Amino acid sequence: MKIKSTKKFWLKAAAGLFGVLIVYWGLICFPQPFFRSSVSANNLTLYSDQPFSPEAGKQILEIVEAKLAASPLYSADDAGISPLGALGAHIAGPAAPEPERPGFTGGGGEFGGGGASGQY
């Protein structure tokens, strides 16, 4: 009898956690209902719960885009990636294995610590 109630508890807890994650994902991917004002410029959108001037919003987005353009990770041509896609990419790990580095050995150490030795 106790095993059955414990199983029900964990099933309800897992269902509740799944529900919270779905609501969180929905809020991250679709914030529009919570913001009265928005403006878009190129592939960026600015949302606010307070009214603002569209011209001022576009100026801010131009500044943000100029700063993003300095990053090698940003591409204005891409349509973007959803937060769920970004999470999946993070979980999947690197796209390619790390290249071999001659003369480099990792891990170990005298007490099994994570030290590294060698020259790059």
C-alpha atoms as a PDB file:
ATOM      1  CA  MET A   1       0.000   0.000   0.000  1.00  0.00           C
ATOM      2  CA  LYS A   2       2.824   2.396   0.862  1.00  0.00           C
ATOM      3  CA  ILE A   3       4.655   1.655  -2.402  1.00  0.00           C
ATOM      4  CA  LYS A   4       1.550   2.497  -4.402  1.00  0.00           C
ATOM      5  CA  SER A   5       1.090   5.872  -2.678  1.00  0.00           C
ATOM      6  CA  THR A   6       4.802   6.692  -3.102  1.00  0.00           C
ATOM      7  CA  LYS A   7       4.555   5.865  -6.794  1.00  0.00           C
ATOM      8  CA  LYS A   8       1.492   8.124  -7.119  1.00  0.00           C
ATOM      9  CA  PHE A   9       3.327  10.930  -5.338  1.00  0.00           C
ATOM     10  CA  TRP A  10       6.327  10.766  -7.688  1.00  0.00           C
ATOM     11  CA  LEU A  11       4.064  10.524 -10.727  1.00  0.00           C
ATOM     12  CA  LYS A  12       2.159  13.638  -9.614  1.00  0.00           C
ATOM     13  CA  ALA A  13       5.412  15.444  -8.806  1.00  0.00           C
ATOM     14  CA  ALA A  14       6.843  14.628 -12.247  1.00  0.00           C
ATOM     15  CA  ALA A  15       3.613  15.744 -13.949  1.00  0.00           C
ATOM     16  CA  GLY A  16       3.666  18.999 -11.953  1.00  0.00           C
ATOM     17  CA  LEU A  17       7.296  19.652 -12.851  1.00  0.00           C
ATOM     18  CA  PHE A  18       6.563  18.951 -16.510  1.00  0.00           C
ATOM     19  CA  GLY A  19       3.633  21.385 -16.353  1.00  0.00           C
ATOM     20  CA  VAL A  20       5.805  24.108 -14.817  1.00  0.00           C
ATOM     21  CA  LEU A  21       8.440  23.580 -17.528  1.00  0.00           C
ATOM     22  CA  ILE A  22       5.817  23.852 -20.289  1.00  0.00           C
ATOM     23  CA  VAL A  23       4.454  27.104 -18.820  1.00  0.00           C
ATOM     24  CA  TYR A  24       8.005  28.476 -18.468  1.00  0.00           C
ATOM     25  CA  TRP A  25       8.814  27.571 -22.082  1.00  0.00           C
ATOM     26  CA  GLY A  26       5.600  29.242 -23.234  1.00  0.00           C
ATOM     27  CA  LEU A  27       6.414  32.448 -21.370  1.00  0.00           C
ATOM     28  CA  ILE A  28       9.952  32.562 -22.795  1.00  0.00           C
ATOM     29  CA  CYS A  29       8.918  31.826 -26.389  1.00  0.00           C
ATOM     30  CA  PHE A  30       5.726  33.904 -26.475  1.00  0.00           C
ATOM     31  CA  PRO A  31       6.093  36.983 -24.231  1.00  0.00           C
ATOM     32  CA  GLN A  32       3.808  39.203 -26.327  1.00  0.00           C
ATOM     33  CA  PRO A  33       0.644  38.937 -24.149  1.00  0.00           C
ATOM     34  CA  PHE A  34       2.512  40.406 -21.175  1.00  0.00           C
ATOM     35  CA  PHE A  35       3.874  43.474 -22.941  1.00  0.00           C
ATOM     36  CA  ARG A  36       1.760  46.316 -24.277  1.00  0.00           C
ATOM     37  CA  SER A  37       4.448  47.985 -26.351  1.00  0.00           C
ATOM     38  CA  SER A  38       6.875  46.507 -28.836  1.00  0.00           C
ATOM     39  CA  VAL A  39       9.027  47.617 -31.739  1.00  0.00           C
ATOM     40  CA  SER A  40      11.143  45.623 -34.202  1.00  0.00           C
ATOM     41  CA  ALA A  41      14.224  46.561 -36.165  1.00  0.00           C
ATOM     42  CA  ASN A  42      15.913  44.088 -38.484  1.00  0.00           C
ATOM     43  CA  ASN A  43      15.845  40.760 -36.646  1.00  0.00           C
ATOM     44  CA  LEU A  44      15.503  42.136 -33.079  1.00  0.00           C
ATOM     45  CA  THR A  45      12.338  42.933 -31.134  1.00  0.00           C
ATOM     46  CA  LEU A  46      12.047  45.075 -28.011  1.00  0.00           C
ATOM     47  CA  TYR A  47       9.106  44.466 -25.639  1.00  0.00           C
ATOM     48  CA  SER A  48       7.987  46.680 -22.742  1.00  0.00           C
ATOM     49  CA  ASP A  49       5.096  46.787 -20.315  1.00  0.00           C
ATOM     50  CA  GLN A  50       5.365  50.595 -20.335  1.00  0.00           C
ATOM     51  CA  PRO A  51       4.590  52.719 -23.404  1.00  0.00           C
ATOM     52  CA  PHE A  52       7.630  54.114 -25.214  1.00  0.00           C
ATOM     53  CA  SER A  53       8.409  56.001 -28.387  1.00  0.00           C
ATOM     54  CA  PRO A  54       8.931  53.676 -31.387  1.00  0.00           C
ATOM     55  CA  GLU A  55      11.789  55.907 -32.584  1.00  0.00           C
ATOM     56  CA  ALA A  56      13.571  55.594 -29.226  1.00  0.00           C
ATOM     57  CA  GLY A  57      13.052  51.824 -29.273  1.00  0.00           C
ATOM     58  CA  LYS A  58      14.533  51.568 -32.761  1.00  0.00           C
ATOM     59  CA  GLN A  59      17.547  53.633 -31.663  1.00  0.00           C
ATOM     60  CA  ILE A  60      18.118  51.230 -28.771  1.00  0.00           C
ATOM     61  CA  LEU A  61      17.814  48.227 -31.086  1.00  0.00           C
ATOM     62  CA  GLU A  62      20.333  49.768 -33.507  1.00  0.00           C
ATOM     63  CA  ILE A  63      22.809  50.226 -30.636  1.00  0.00           C
ATOM     64  CA  VAL A  64      22.228  46.645 -29.487  1.00  0.00           C
ATOM     65  CA  GLU A  65      22.671  45.307 -33.013  1.00  0.00           C
ATOM     66  CA  ALA A  66      25.925  47.253 -33.435  1.00  0.00           C
ATOM     67  CA  LYS A  67      27.252  45.704 -30.223  1.00  0.00           C
ATOM     68  CA  LEU A  68      26.065  42.232 -31.237  1.00  0.00           C
ATOM     69  CA  ALA A  69      27.715  42.604 -34.640  1.00  0.00           C
ATOM     70  CA  ALA A  70      31.082  42.847 -32.882  1.00  0.00           C
ATOM     71  CA  SER A  71      30.627  39.287 -31.595  1.00  0.00           C
ATOM     72  CA  PRO A  72      31.872  36.429 -33.792  1.00  0.00           C
ATOM     73  CA  LEU A  73      28.900  34.351 -32.567  1.00  0.00           C
ATOM     74  CA  TYR A  74      26.271  36.717 -33.970  1.00  0.00           C
ATOM     75  CA  SER A  75      24.992  36.631 -37.519  1.00  0.00           C
ATOM     76  CA  ALA A  76      22.369  39.130 -38.662  1.00  0.00           C
ATOM     77  CA  ASP A  77      21.426  36.809 -41.538  1.00  0.00           C
ATOM     78  CA  ASP A  78      20.184  34.043 -39.257  1.00  0.00           C
ATOM     79  CA  ALA A  79      16.527  34.002 -38.399  1.00  0.00           C
ATOM     80  CA  GLY A  80      17.544  33.149 -34.857  1.00  0.00           C
ATOM     81  CA  ILE A  81      17.160  30.203 -32.567  1.00  0.00           C
ATOM     82  CA  SER A  82      14.355  29.620 -30.134  1.00  0.00           C
ATOM     83  CA  PRO A  83      15.130  29.329 -26.435  1.00  0.00           C
ATOM     84  CA  LEU A  84      14.156  25.657 -26.624  1.00  0.00           C
ATOM     85  CA  GLY A  85      16.542  25.156 -29.551  1.00  0.00           C
ATOM     86  CA  ALA A  86      19.321  26.882 -27.623  1.00  0.00           C
ATOM     87  CA  LEU A  87      18.698  24.586 -24.662  1.00  0.00           C
ATOM     88  CA  GLY A  88      18.818  21.555 -26.957  1.00  0.00           C
ATOM     89  CA  ALA A  89      22.078  22.728 -28.499  1.00  0.00           C
ATOM     90  CA  HIS A  90      23.549  23.254 -25.048  1.00  0.00           C
ATOM     91  CA  ILE A  91      22.517  19.769 -23.939  1.00  0.00           C
ATOM     92  CA  ALA A  92      23.838  18.185 -27.143  1.00  0.00           C
ATOM     93  CA  GLY A  93      27.299  19.557 -26.432  1.00  0.00           C
ATOM     94  CA  PRO A  94      29.962  20.654 -28.882  1.00  0.00           C
ATOM     95  CA  ALA A  95      29.385  20.104 -32.579  1.00  0.00           C
ATOM     96  CA  ALA A  96      32.897  18.735 -33.148  1.00  0.00           C
ATOM     97  CA  PRO A  97      35.440  17.050 -30.939  1.00  0.00           C
ATOM     98  CA  GLU A  98      38.245  19.164 -29.567  1.00  0.00           C
ATOM     99  CA  PRO A  99      41.357  19.036 -31.745  1.00  0.00           C
ATOM    100  CA  GLU A 100      44.397  17.121 -30.580  1.00  0.00           C
ATOM    101  CA  ARG A 101      47.117  19.220 -28.974  1.00  0.00           C
ATOM    102  CA  PRO A 102      50.558  17.658 -29.137  1.00  0.00           C
ATOM    103  CA  GLY A 103      52.460  17.863 -25.874  1.00  0.00           C
ATOM    104  CA  PHE A 104      49.316  18.384 -23.800  1.00  0.00           C
ATOM    105  CA  THR A 105      48.037  15.874 -21.271  1.00  0.00           C
ATOM    106  CA  GLY A 106      45.032  16.558 -19.132  1.00  0.00           C
ATOM    107  CA  GLY A 107      43.823  15.350 -15.773  1.00  0.00           C
ATOM    108  CA  GLY A 108      45.474  13.309 -13.133  1.00  0.00           C
ATOM    109  CA  GLY A 109      47.850  15.060 -10.846  1.00  0.00           C
ATOM    110  CA  GLU A 110      49.435  13.472  -7.814  1.00  0.00           C
ATOM    111  CA  PHE A 111      46.147  13.145  -5.915  1.00  0.00           C
ATOM    112  CA  GLY A 112      43.814  12.517  -8.853  1.00  0.00           C
ATOM    113  CA  GLY A 113      42.926  16.184  -9.233  1.00  0.00           C
ATOM    114  CA  GLY A 114      42.082  17.799 -12.536  1.00  0.00           C
ATOM    115  CA  GLY A 115      45.447  19.434 -13.209  1.00  0.00           C
ATOM    116  CA  ALA A 116      46.901  19.660 -16.708  1.00  0.00           C
ATOM    117  CA  SER A 117      50.451  19.591 -17.952  1.00  0.00           C
ATOM    118  CA  GLY A 118      52.280  20.309 -21.157  1.00  0.00           C
ATOM    119  CA  GLN A 119      52.697  23.280 -23.424  1.00  0.00           C
ATOM    120  CA  TYR A 120      50.259  24.677 -25.925  1.00  0.00           C
END
